[in-house]
Amino acid sequence: MASSIPKVATKVKRVFPLFNRVLIKRDDPATQSKGGIVLPENQKTRVLRGTVVAVGPGQRNDNGQKIPMTVKPGDYVILPDYGGARIEMDGEHYFMFRENDILAKLQES
């Protein structure tokens, strides 16, 4: 999980999310079940996890104060079923979400 971050981050150095937006690389769908059975294309589940690649500077509140971001590049997060703008760069697919659309941040053990 964390070892792929530097390679991914170097590909998207030219993307700077604005405000409270977060650029995420979704995990690849599972090709095998936990028991080792190869899954056909139509049985693969929707990927709800991903790695944060880039974050914006944060949103401003009504008083003009910047609200700091709670995620940072390299964080592993849980995503909603739907949403996010799909972006393709260098043959890779990324998704842009608003920070408040991210459901949870996973802690590495």
PDB file of N, CA and C in Angstrom:
ATOM      1  N   MET A   1       0.829  -1.180   0.000  1.00  0.00           N
ATOM      2  CA  MET A   1       0.000   0.000   0.000  1.00  0.00           C
ATOM      3  C   MET A   1       0.873   1.243   0.000  1.00  0.00           C
ATOM      4  N   ALA A   2       1.692   1.475   0.998  1.00  0.00           N
ATOM      5  CA  ALA A   2       2.491   2.688   1.084  1.00  0.00           C
ATOM      6  C   ALA A   2       3.650   2.689   0.096  1.00  0.00           C
ATOM      7  N   SER A   3       4.126   1.518  -0.339  1.00  0.00           N
ATOM      8  CA  SER A   3       5.262   1.472  -1.244  1.00  0.00           C
ATOM      9  C   SER A   3       4.924   2.014  -2.625  1.00  0.00           C
ATOM     10  N   SER A   4       3.643   2.013  -3.025  1.00  0.00           N
ATOM     11  CA  SER A   4       3.267   2.514  -4.342  1.00  0.00           C
ATOM     12  C   SER A   4       3.061   4.026  -4.362  1.00  0.00           C
ATOM     13  N   ILE A   5       3.071   4.672  -3.220  1.00  0.00           N
ATOM     14  CA  ILE A   5       2.800   6.102  -3.144  1.00  0.00           C
ATOM     15  C   ILE A   5       3.819   6.938  -3.921  1.00  0.00           C
ATOM     16  N   PRO A   6       5.125   6.792  -3.706  1.00  0.00           N
ATOM     17  CA  PRO A   6       6.059   7.649  -4.414  1.00  0.00           C
ATOM     18  C   PRO A   6       5.948   7.537  -5.929  1.00  0.00           C
ATOM     19  N   LYS A   7       5.770   6.319  -6.456  1.00  0.00           N
ATOM     20  CA  LYS A   7       5.661   6.130  -7.896  1.00  0.00           C
ATOM     21  C   LYS A   7       4.419   6.840  -8.434  1.00  0.00           C
ATOM     22  N   VAL A   8       3.298   6.703  -7.764  1.00  0.00           N
ATOM     23  CA  VAL A   8       2.059   7.350  -8.188  1.00  0.00           C
ATOM     24  C   VAL A   8       2.191   8.859  -8.070  1.00  0.00           C
ATOM     25  N   ALA A   9       2.755   9.336  -6.979  1.00  0.00           N
ATOM     26  CA  ALA A   9       2.865  10.770  -6.745  1.00  0.00           C
ATOM     27  C   ALA A   9       3.715  11.453  -7.803  1.00  0.00           C
ATOM     28  N   THR A  10       4.737  10.794  -8.318  1.00  0.00           N
ATOM     29  CA  THR A  10       5.584  11.425  -9.330  1.00  0.00           C
ATOM     30  C   THR A  10       4.844  11.603 -10.643  1.00  0.00           C
ATOM     31  N   LYS A  11       3.873  10.761 -10.946  1.00  0.00           N
ATOM     32  CA  LYS A  11       3.119  10.874 -12.189  1.00  0.00           C
ATOM     33  C   LYS A  11       2.162  12.059 -12.177  1.00  0.00           C
ATOM     34  N   VAL A  12       1.717  12.470 -11.015  1.00  0.00           N
ATOM     35  CA  VAL A  12       0.679  13.500 -10.952  1.00  0.00           C
ATOM     36  C   VAL A  12       1.180  14.794 -10.307  1.00  0.00           C
ATOM     37  N   LYS A  13       2.457  15.078 -10.432  1.00  0.00           N
ATOM     38  CA  LYS A  13       2.993  16.305  -9.833  1.00  0.00           C
ATOM     39  C   LYS A  13       2.397  17.556 -10.452  1.00  0.00           C
ATOM     40  N   ARG A  14       1.828  17.436 -11.628  1.00  0.00           N
ATOM     41  CA  ARG A  14       1.280  18.619 -12.289  1.00  0.00           C
ATOM     42  C   ARG A  14      -0.186  18.884 -11.931  1.00  0.00           C
ATOM     43  N   VAL A  15      -0.749  18.099 -11.022  1.00  0.00           N
ATOM     44  CA  VAL A  15      -2.139  18.284 -10.593  1.00  0.00           C
ATOM     45  C   VAL A  15      -2.144  18.883  -9.192  1.00  0.00           C
ATOM     46  N   PHE A  16      -2.827  20.013  -9.053  1.00  0.00           N
ATOM     47  CA  PHE A  16      -2.935  20.697  -7.766  1.00  0.00           C
ATOM     48  C   PHE A  16      -4.413  20.889  -7.440  1.00  0.00           C
ATOM     49  N   PRO A  17      -4.987  20.001  -6.621  1.00  0.00           N
ATOM     50  CA  PRO A  17      -6.399  20.158  -6.262  1.00  0.00           C
ATOM     51  C   PRO A  17      -6.642  21.514  -5.593  1.00  0.00           C
ATOM     52  N   LEU A  18      -7.801  22.079  -5.837  1.00  0.00           N
ATOM     53  CA  LEU A  18      -8.169  23.359  -5.245  1.00  0.00           C
ATOM     54  C   LEU A  18      -9.085  23.159  -4.043  1.00  0.00           C
ATOM     55  N   PHE A  19      -9.062  24.134  -3.155  1.00  0.00           N
ATOM     56  CA  PHE A  19      -9.927  24.170  -1.982  1.00  0.00           C
ATOM     57  C   PHE A  19      -9.844  22.872  -1.177  1.00  0.00           C
ATOM     58  N   ASN A  20     -10.982  22.206  -0.960  1.00  0.00           N
ATOM     59  CA  ASN A  20     -10.980  20.998  -0.126  1.00  0.00           C
ATOM     60  C   ASN A  20     -11.080  19.725  -0.965  1.00  0.00           C
ATOM     61  N   ARG A  21     -10.503  19.767  -2.150  1.00  0.00           N
ATOM     62  CA  ARG A  21     -10.558  18.588  -3.022  1.00  0.00           C
ATOM     63  C   ARG A  21      -9.339  17.693  -2.811  1.00  0.00           C
ATOM     64  N   VAL A  22      -9.560  16.389  -3.049  1.00  0.00           N
ATOM     65  CA  VAL A  22      -8.545  15.374  -2.801  1.00  0.00           C
ATOM     66  C   VAL A  22      -8.455  14.469  -4.029  1.00  0.00           C
ATOM     67  N   LEU A  23      -7.246  14.262  -4.545  1.00  0.00           N
ATOM     68  CA  LEU A  23      -7.020  13.363  -5.670  1.00  0.00           C
ATOM     69  C   LEU A  23      -6.676  11.987  -5.113  1.00  0.00           C
ATOM     70  N   ILE A  24      -7.404  10.962  -5.571  1.00  0.00           N
ATOM     71  CA  ILE A  24      -7.268   9.615  -5.008  1.00  0.00           C
ATOM     72  C   ILE A  24      -7.046   8.603  -6.120  1.00  0.00           C
ATOM     73  N   LYS A  25      -6.147   7.666  -5.864  1.00  0.00           N
ATOM     74  CA  LYS A  25      -5.930   6.514  -6.740  1.00  0.00           C
ATOM     75  C   LYS A  25      -6.640   5.341  -6.083  1.00  0.00           C
ATOM     76  N   ARG A  26      -7.714   4.864  -6.714  1.00  0.00           N
ATOM     77  CA  ARG A  26      -8.460   3.731  -6.156  1.00  0.00           C
ATOM     78  C   ARG A  26      -7.624   2.463  -6.247  1.00  0.00           C
ATOM     79  N   ASP A  27      -7.838   1.559  -5.299  1.00  0.00           N
ATOM     80  CA  ASP A  27      -7.192   0.252  -5.343  1.00  0.00           C
ATOM     81  C   ASP A  27      -7.711  -0.520  -6.547  1.00  0.00           C
ATOM     82  N   ASP A  28      -6.915  -1.442  -7.045  1.00  0.00           N
ATOM     83  CA  ASP A  28      -7.357  -2.312  -8.132  1.00  0.00           C
ATOM     84  C   ASP A  28      -8.359  -3.308  -7.590  1.00  0.00           C
ATOM     85  N   PRO A  29      -9.373  -3.688  -8.384  1.00  0.00           N
ATOM     86  CA  PRO A  29     -10.349  -4.667  -7.913  1.00  0.00           C
ATOM     87  C   PRO A  29      -9.700  -6.029  -7.712  1.00  0.00           C
ATOM     88  N   ALA A  30     -10.225  -6.789  -6.779  1.00  0.00           N
ATOM     89  CA  ALA A  30      -9.694  -8.122  -6.488  1.00  0.00           C
ATOM     90  C   ALA A  30      -9.927  -9.034  -7.684  1.00  0.00           C
ATOM     91  N   THR A  31      -8.911  -9.810  -8.029  1.00  0.00           N
ATOM     92  CA  THR A  31      -9.038 -10.760  -9.134  1.00  0.00           C
ATOM     93  C   THR A  31      -9.248 -12.174  -8.622  1.00  0.00           C
ATOM     94  N   GLN A  32      -9.031 -12.374  -7.298  1.00  0.00           N
ATOM     95  CA  GLN A  32      -9.243 -13.674  -6.673  1.00  0.00           C
ATOM     96  C   GLN A  32      -9.997 -13.488  -5.373  1.00  0.00           C
ATOM     97  N   SER A  33     -10.768 -14.506  -5.002  1.00  0.00           N
ATOM     98  CA  SER A  33     -11.444 -14.476  -3.702  1.00  0.00           C
ATOM     99  C   SER A  33     -10.423 -14.805  -2.623  1.00  0.00           C
ATOM    100  N   LYS A  34     -10.800 -14.658  -1.371  1.00  0.00           N
ATOM    101  CA  LYS A  34      -9.887 -14.982  -0.270  1.00  0.00           C
ATOM    102  C   LYS A  34      -9.508 -16.457  -0.269  1.00  0.00           C
ATOM    103  N   GLY A  35     -10.368 -17.291  -0.821  1.00  0.00           N
ATOM    104  CA  GLY A  35     -10.089 -18.722  -0.898  1.00  0.00           C
ATOM    105  C   GLY A  35      -9.247 -19.112  -2.107  1.00  0.00           C
ATOM    106  N   GLY A  36      -8.915 -18.124  -2.968  1.00  0.00           N
ATOM    107  CA  GLY A  36      -8.059 -18.391  -4.116  1.00  0.00           C
ATOM    108  C   GLY A  36      -8.789 -18.630  -5.420  1.00  0.00           C
ATOM    109  N   ILE A  37     -10.101 -18.462  -5.440  1.00  0.00           N
ATOM    110  CA  ILE A  37     -10.877 -18.668  -6.660  1.00  0.00           C
ATOM    111  C   ILE A  37     -10.751 -17.428  -7.537  1.00  0.00           C
ATOM    112  N   VAL A  38     -10.442 -17.624  -8.813  1.00  0.00           N
ATOM    113  CA  VAL A  38     -10.322 -16.511  -9.758  1.00  0.00           C
ATOM    114  C   VAL A  38     -11.714 -15.973 -10.061  1.00  0.00           C
ATOM    115  N   LEU A  39     -11.890 -14.669  -9.903  1.00  0.00           N
ATOM    116  CA  LEU A  39     -13.197 -14.043 -10.111  1.00  0.00           C
ATOM    117  C   LEU A  39     -13.366 -13.610 -11.561  1.00  0.00           C
ATOM    118  N   PRO A  40     -14.526 -13.891 -12.178  1.00  0.00           N
ATOM    119  CA  PRO A  40     -14.778 -13.390 -13.528  1.00  0.00           C
ATOM    120  C   PRO A  40     -15.013 -11.878 -13.482  1.00  0.00           C
ATOM    121  N   GLU A  41     -14.882 -11.221 -14.624  1.00  0.00           N
ATOM    122  CA  GLU A  41     -15.016  -9.765 -14.708  1.00  0.00           C
ATOM    123  C   GLU A  41     -16.324  -9.260 -14.089  1.00  0.00           C
ATOM    124  N   ASN A  42     -17.441  -9.938 -14.348  1.00  0.00           N
ATOM    125  CA  ASN A  42     -18.732  -9.451 -13.866  1.00  0.00           C
ATOM    126  C   ASN A  42     -18.947  -9.676 -12.370  1.00  0.00           C
ATOM    127  N   GLN A  43     -18.063 -10.398 -11.697  1.00  0.00           N
ATOM    128  CA  GLN A  43     -18.206 -10.645 -10.263  1.00  0.00           C
ATOM    129  C   GLN A  43     -17.301  -9.759  -9.404  1.00  0.00           C
ATOM    130  N   LYS A  44     -16.478  -8.948 -10.056  1.00  0.00           N
ATOM    131  CA  LYS A  44     -15.585  -8.077  -9.299  1.00  0.00           C
ATOM    132  C   LYS A  44     -16.412  -6.986  -8.634  1.00  0.00           C
ATOM    133  N   THR A  45     -16.095  -6.700  -7.398  1.00  0.00           N
ATOM    134  CA  THR A  45     -16.856  -5.709  -6.651  1.00  0.00           C
ATOM    135  C   THR A  45     -16.308  -4.308  -6.888  1.00  0.00           C
ATOM    136  N   ARG A  46     -17.118  -3.337  -6.589  1.00  0.00           N
ATOM    137  CA  ARG A  46     -16.715  -1.938  -6.707  1.00  0.00           C
ATOM    138  C   ARG A  46     -15.671  -1.647  -5.634  1.00  0.00           C
ATOM    139  N   VAL A  47     -14.608  -0.970  -6.018  1.00  0.00           N
ATOM    140  CA  VAL A  47     -13.509  -0.675  -5.093  1.00  0.00           C
ATOM    141  C   VAL A  47     -13.871   0.548  -4.265  1.00  0.00           C
ATOM    142  N   LEU A  48     -13.875   0.391  -2.953  1.00  0.00           N
ATOM    143  CA  LEU A  48     -14.260   1.475  -2.059  1.00  0.00           C
ATOM    144  C   LEU A  48     -13.084   1.980  -1.231  1.00  0.00           C
ATOM    145  N   ARG A  49     -11.886   1.633  -1.623  1.00  0.00           N
ATOM    146  CA  ARG A  49     -10.690   2.083  -0.909  1.00  0.00           C
ATOM    147  C   ARG A  49      -9.717   2.693  -1.894  1.00  0.00           C
ATOM    148  N   GLY A  50      -8.874   3.579  -1.378  1.00  0.00           N
ATOM    149  CA  GLY A  50      -7.883   4.190  -2.242  1.00  0.00           C
ATOM    150  C   GLY A  50      -6.830   4.923  -1.441  1.00  0.00           C
ATOM    151  N   THR A  51      -5.843   5.429  -2.160  1.00  0.00           N
ATOM    152  CA  THR A  51      -4.728   6.141  -1.560  1.00  0.00           C
ATOM    153  C   THR A  51      -4.772   7.596  -1.989  1.00  0.00           C
ATOM    154  N   VAL A  52      -4.618   8.497  -1.039  1.00  0.00           N
ATOM    155  CA  VAL A  52      -4.599   9.929  -1.329  1.00  0.00           C
ATOM    156  C   VAL A  52      -3.290  10.258  -2.038  1.00  0.00           C
ATOM    157  N   VAL A  53      -3.395  10.914  -3.187  1.00  0.00           N
ATOM    158  CA  VAL A  53      -2.223  11.277  -3.977  1.00  0.00           C
ATOM    159  C   VAL A  53      -1.879  12.753  -3.794  1.00  0.00           C
ATOM    160  N   ALA A  54      -2.895  13.616  -3.777  1.00  0.00           N
ATOM    161  CA  ALA A  54      -2.679  15.055  -3.621  1.00  0.00           C
ATOM    162  C   ALA A  54      -3.885  15.675  -2.932  1.00  0.00           C
ATOM    163  N   VAL A  55      -3.666  16.745  -2.190  1.00  0.00           N
ATOM    164  CA  VAL A  55      -4.751  17.448  -1.504  1.00  0.00           C
ATOM    165  C   VAL A  55      -4.665  18.938  -1.788  1.00  0.00           C
ATOM    166  N   GLY A  56      -5.816  19.588  -1.723  1.00  0.00           N
ATOM    167  CA  GLY A  56      -5.862  21.034  -1.878  1.00  0.00           C
ATOM    168  C   GLY A  56      -5.464  21.716  -0.575  1.00  0.00           C
ATOM    169  N   PRO A  57      -5.394  23.038  -0.590  1.00  0.00           N
ATOM    170  CA  PRO A  57      -4.976  23.790   0.592  1.00  0.00           C
ATOM    171  C   PRO A  57      -6.020  23.838   1.702  1.00  0.00           C
ATOM    172  N   GLY A  58      -7.270  23.536   1.390  1.00  0.00           N
ATOM    173  CA  GLY A  58      -8.326  23.576   2.395  1.00  0.00           C
ATOM    174  C   GLY A  58      -9.355  24.639   2.068  1.00  0.00           C
ATOM    175  N   GLN A  59     -10.515  24.491   2.638  1.00  0.00           N
ATOM    176  CA  GLN A  59     -11.632  25.418   2.445  1.00  0.00           C
ATOM    177  C   GLN A  59     -11.522  26.572   3.436  1.00  0.00           C
ATOM    178  N   ARG A  60     -12.185  27.656   3.152  1.00  0.00           N
ATOM    179  CA  ARG A  60     -12.243  28.784   4.090  1.00  0.00           C
ATOM    180  C   ARG A  60     -13.645  28.859   4.670  1.00  0.00           C
ATOM    181  N   ASN A  61     -13.725  29.203   5.976  1.00  0.00           N
ATOM    182  CA  ASN A  61     -15.043  29.333   6.605  1.00  0.00           C
ATOM    183  C   ASN A  61     -15.604  30.730   6.353  1.00  0.00           C
ATOM    184  N   ASP A  62     -16.751  31.047   6.956  1.00  0.00           N
ATOM    185  CA  ASP A  62     -17.413  32.337   6.731  1.00  0.00           C
ATOM    186  C   ASP A  62     -16.579  33.515   7.220  1.00  0.00           C
ATOM    187  N   ASN A  63     -15.689  33.282   8.174  1.00  0.00           N
ATOM    188  CA  ASN A  63     -14.828  34.352   8.694  1.00  0.00           C
ATOM    189  C   ASN A  63     -13.542  34.503   7.897  1.00  0.00           C
ATOM    190  N   GLY A  64     -13.362  33.691   6.872  1.00  0.00           N
ATOM    191  CA  GLY A  64     -12.157  33.770   6.052  1.00  0.00           C
ATOM    192  C   GLY A  64     -10.987  32.958   6.579  1.00  0.00           C
ATOM    193  N   GLN A  65     -11.195  32.211   7.657  1.00  0.00           N
ATOM    194  CA  GLN A  65     -10.119  31.389   8.214  1.00  0.00           C
ATOM    195  C   GLN A  65     -10.053  30.067   7.463  1.00  0.00           C
ATOM    196  N   LYS A  66      -8.828  29.614   7.191  1.00  0.00           N
ATOM    197  CA  LYS A  66      -8.650  28.360   6.456  1.00  0.00           C
ATOM    198  C   LYS A  66      -8.917  27.173   7.377  1.00  0.00           C
ATOM    199  N   ILE A  67      -9.715  26.240   6.894  1.00  0.00           N
ATOM    200  CA  ILE A  67      -9.999  25.008   7.617  1.00  0.00           C
ATOM    201  C   ILE A  67      -8.969  23.983   7.133  1.00  0.00           C
ATOM    202  N   PRO A  68      -8.113  23.475   8.021  1.00  0.00           N
ATOM    203  CA  PRO A  68      -7.065  22.551   7.574  1.00  0.00           C
ATOM    204  C   PRO A  68      -7.638  21.226   7.092  1.00  0.00           C
ATOM    205  N   MET A  69      -6.926  20.605   6.164  1.00  0.00           N
ATOM    206  CA  MET A  69      -7.325  19.309   5.624  1.00  0.00           C
ATOM    207  C   MET A  69      -7.030  18.221   6.664  1.00  0.00           C
ATOM    208  N   THR A  70      -7.865  17.196   6.705  1.00  0.00           N
ATOM    209  CA  THR A  70      -7.660  16.103   7.662  1.00  0.00           C
ATOM    210  C   THR A  70      -6.961  14.903   7.032  1.00  0.00           C
ATOM    211  N   VAL A  71      -6.823  14.915   5.696  1.00  0.00           N
ATOM    212  CA  VAL A  71      -6.079  13.850   5.024  1.00  0.00           C
ATOM    213  C   VAL A  71      -4.850  14.450   4.357  1.00  0.00           C
ATOM    214  N   LYS A  72      -3.862  13.607   4.115  1.00  0.00           N
ATOM    215  CA  LYS A  72      -2.624  14.059   3.469  1.00  0.00           C
ATOM    216  C   LYS A  72      -2.198  13.000   2.456  1.00  0.00           C
ATOM    217  N   PRO A  73      -1.316  13.332   1.520  1.00  0.00           N
ATOM    218  CA  PRO A  73      -0.853  12.336   0.567  1.00  0.00           C
ATOM    219  C   PRO A  73      -0.268  11.116   1.281  1.00  0.00           C
ATOM    220  N   GLY A  74      -0.658   9.952   0.802  1.00  0.00           N
ATOM    221  CA  GLY A  74      -0.203   8.699   1.404  1.00  0.00           C
ATOM    222  C   GLY A  74      -1.232   8.067   2.322  1.00  0.00           C
ATOM    223  N   ASP A  75      -2.249   8.828   2.749  1.00  0.00           N
ATOM    224  CA  ASP A  75      -3.294   8.260   3.603  1.00  0.00           C
ATOM    225  C   ASP A  75      -4.127   7.263   2.809  1.00  0.00           C
ATOM    226  N   TYR A  76      -4.557   6.218   3.480  1.00  0.00           N
ATOM    227  CA  TYR A  76      -5.407   5.183   2.898  1.00  0.00           C
ATOM    228  C   TYR A  76      -6.820   5.450   3.384  1.00  0.00           C
ATOM    229  N   VAL A  77      -7.788   5.589   2.464  1.00  0.00           N
ATOM    230  CA  VAL A  77      -9.128   6.029   2.826  1.00  0.00           C
ATOM    231  C   VAL A  77     -10.204   5.099   2.287  1.00  0.00           C
ATOM    232  N   ILE A  78     -11.388   5.187   2.907  1.00  0.00           N
ATOM    233  CA  ILE A  78     -12.582   4.486   2.438  1.00  0.00           C
ATOM    234  C   ILE A  78     -13.450   5.505   1.711  1.00  0.00           C
ATOM    235  N   LEU A  79     -13.937   5.127   0.542  1.00  0.00           N
ATOM    236  CA  LEU A  79     -14.680   6.025  -0.332  1.00  0.00           C
ATOM    237  C   LEU A  79     -16.150   5.630  -0.419  1.00  0.00           C
ATOM    238  N   PRO A  80     -17.015   6.564  -0.810  1.00  0.00           N
ATOM    239  CA  PRO A  80     -18.421   6.222  -0.995  1.00  0.00           C
ATOM    240  C   PRO A  80     -18.618   5.369  -2.247  1.00  0.00           C
ATOM    241  N   ASP A  81     -19.786   4.716  -2.343  1.00  0.00           N
ATOM    242  CA  ASP A  81     -20.100   3.887  -3.514  1.00  0.00           C
ATOM    243  C   ASP A  81     -19.998   4.671  -4.815  1.00  0.00           C
ATOM    244  N   TYR A  82     -20.524   5.879  -4.815  1.00  0.00           N
ATOM    245  CA  TYR A  82     -20.564   6.680  -6.036  1.00  0.00           C
ATOM    246  C   TYR A  82     -19.996   8.062  -5.750  1.00  0.00           C
ATOM    247  N   GLY A  83     -19.672   8.753  -6.811  1.00  0.00           N
ATOM    248  CA  GLY A  83     -19.174  10.115  -6.681  1.00  0.00           C
ATOM    249  C   GLY A  83     -17.725  10.212  -7.114  1.00  0.00           C
ATOM    250  N   GLY A  84     -17.223  11.405  -7.063  1.00  0.00           N
ATOM    251  CA  GLY A  84     -15.860  11.663  -7.481  1.00  0.00           C
ATOM    252  C   GLY A  84     -15.788  11.854  -8.986  1.00  0.00           C
ATOM    253  N   ALA A  85     -14.981  12.811  -9.390  1.00  0.00           N
ATOM    254  CA  ALA A  85     -14.776  13.059 -10.815  1.00  0.00           C
ATOM    255  C   ALA A  85     -13.620  12.191 -11.290  1.00  0.00           C
ATOM    256  N   ARG A  86     -13.840  11.432 -12.341  1.00  0.00           N
ATOM    257  CA  ARG A  86     -12.809  10.533 -12.880  1.00  0.00           C
ATOM    258  C   ARG A  86     -11.851  11.337 -13.750  1.00  0.00           C
ATOM    259  N   ILE A  87     -10.560  11.139 -13.522  1.00  0.00           N
ATOM    260  CA  ILE A  87      -9.516  11.838 -14.274  1.00  0.00           C
ATOM    261  C   ILE A  87      -8.538  10.794 -14.795  1.00  0.00           C
ATOM    262  N   GLU A  88      -8.173  10.898 -16.075  1.00  0.00           N
ATOM    263  CA  GLU A  88      -7.197   9.971 -16.643  1.00  0.00           C
ATOM    264  C   GLU A  88      -5.928  10.737 -16.988  1.00  0.00           C
ATOM    265  N   MET A  89      -4.791  10.241 -16.486  1.00  0.00           N
ATOM    266  CA  MET A  89      -3.482  10.829 -16.778  1.00  0.00           C
ATOM    267  C   MET A  89      -2.487   9.703 -16.979  1.00  0.00           C
ATOM    268  N   ASP A  90      -1.726   9.794 -18.040  1.00  0.00           N
ATOM    269  CA  ASP A  90      -0.682   8.808 -18.337  1.00  0.00           C
ATOM    270  C   ASP A  90      -1.223   7.376 -18.307  1.00  0.00           C
ATOM    271  N   GLY A  91      -2.450   7.181 -18.779  1.00  0.00           N
ATOM    272  CA  GLY A  91      -3.045   5.850 -18.818  1.00  0.00           C
ATOM    273  C   GLY A  91      -3.553   5.340 -17.478  1.00  0.00           C
ATOM    274  N   GLU A  92      -3.449   6.135 -16.424  1.00  0.00           N
ATOM    275  CA  GLU A  92      -3.920   5.757 -15.087  1.00  0.00           C
ATOM    276  C   GLU A  92      -5.214   6.504 -14.792  1.00  0.00           C
ATOM    277  N   HIS A  93      -6.077   5.894 -13.988  1.00  0.00           N
ATOM    278  CA  HIS A  93      -7.338   6.530 -13.603  1.00  0.00           C
ATOM    279  C   HIS A  93      -7.251   6.993 -12.153  1.00  0.00           C
ATOM    280  N   TYR A  94      -7.651   8.241 -11.921  1.00  0.00           N
ATOM    281  CA  TYR A  94      -7.690   8.836 -10.592  1.00  0.00           C
ATOM    282  C   TYR A  94      -9.087   9.399 -10.390  1.00  0.00           C
ATOM    283  N   PHE A  95      -9.398   9.725  -9.137  1.00  0.00           N
ATOM    284  CA  PHE A  95     -10.694  10.299  -8.823  1.00  0.00           C
ATOM    285  C   PHE A  95     -10.495  11.512  -7.925  1.00  0.00           C
ATOM    286  N   MET A  96     -11.256  12.570  -8.211  1.00  0.00           N
ATOM    287  CA  MET A  96     -11.198  13.785  -7.411  1.00  0.00           C
ATOM    288  C   MET A  96     -12.464  13.837  -6.556  1.00  0.00           C
ATOM    289  N   PHE A  97     -12.271  13.857  -5.245  1.00  0.00           N
ATOM    290  CA  PHE A  97     -13.377  13.931  -4.288  1.00  0.00           C
ATOM    291  C   PHE A  97     -13.240  15.197  -3.455  1.00  0.00           C
ATOM    292  N   ARG A  98     -14.350  15.663  -2.921  1.00  0.00           N
ATOM    293  CA  ARG A  98     -14.291  16.683  -1.882  1.00  0.00           C
ATOM    294  C   ARG A  98     -13.921  15.957  -0.591  1.00  0.00           C
ATOM    295  N   GLU A  99     -13.186  16.623   0.267  1.00  0.00           N
ATOM    296  CA  GLU A  99     -12.734  15.969   1.497  1.00  0.00           C
ATOM    297  C   GLU A  99     -13.905  15.455   2.329  1.00  0.00           C
ATOM    298  N   ASN A 100     -14.997  16.192   2.384  1.00  0.00           N
ATOM    299  CA  ASN A 100     -16.128  15.762   3.211  1.00  0.00           C
ATOM    300  C   ASN A 100     -16.890  14.581   2.605  1.00  0.00           C
ATOM    301  N   ASP A 101     -16.563  14.169   1.363  1.00  0.00           N
ATOM    302  CA  ASP A 101     -17.163  12.973   0.779  1.00  0.00           C
ATOM    303  C   ASP A 101     -16.433  11.704   1.198  1.00  0.00           C
ATOM    304  N   ILE A 102     -15.200  11.826   1.669  1.00  0.00           N
ATOM    305  CA  ILE A 102     -14.425  10.661   2.102  1.00  0.00           C
ATOM    306  C   ILE A 102     -15.026  10.154   3.409  1.00  0.00           C
ATOM    307  N   LEU A 103     -15.273   8.849   3.481  1.00  0.00           N
ATOM    308  CA  LEU A 103     -15.970   8.286   4.633  1.00  0.00           C
ATOM    309  C   LEU A 103     -15.074   8.074   5.845  1.00  0.00           C
ATOM    310  N   ALA A 104     -13.834   7.616   5.627  1.00  0.00           N
ATOM    311  CA  ALA A 104     -12.955   7.324   6.763  1.00  0.00           C
ATOM    312  C   ALA A 104     -11.517   7.253   6.295  1.00  0.00           C
ATOM    313  N   LYS A 105     -10.629   7.434   7.246  1.00  0.00           N
ATOM    314  CA  LYS A 105      -9.194   7.293   7.004  1.00  0.00           C
ATOM    315  C   LYS A 105      -8.773   6.042   7.754  1.00  0.00           C
ATOM    316  N   LEU A 106      -8.070   5.132   7.072  1.00  0.00           N
ATOM    317  CA  LEU A 106      -7.629   3.887   7.688  1.00  0.00           C
ATOM    318  C   LEU A 106      -6.227   4.055   8.264  1.00  0.00           C
ATOM    319  N   GLN A 107      -6.018   3.470   9.417  1.00  0.00           N
ATOM    320  CA  GLN A 107      -4.730   3.556  10.075  1.00  0.00           C
ATOM    321  C   GLN A 107      -3.940   2.298   9.745  1.00  0.00           C
ATOM    322  N   GLU A 108      -2.677   2.494   9.362  1.00  0.00           N
ATOM    323  CA  GLU A 108      -1.824   1.344   9.067  1.00  0.00           C
ATOM    324  C   GLU A 108      -1.470   0.647  10.381  1.00  0.00           C
ATOM    325  N   SER A 109      -1.439  -0.679  10.348  1.00  0.00           N
ATOM    326  CA  SER A 109      -1.123  -1.420  11.571  1.00  0.00           C
ATOM    327  C   SER A 109       0.300  -1.888  11.591  1.00  0.00           C
TER     328      SER A 109
END
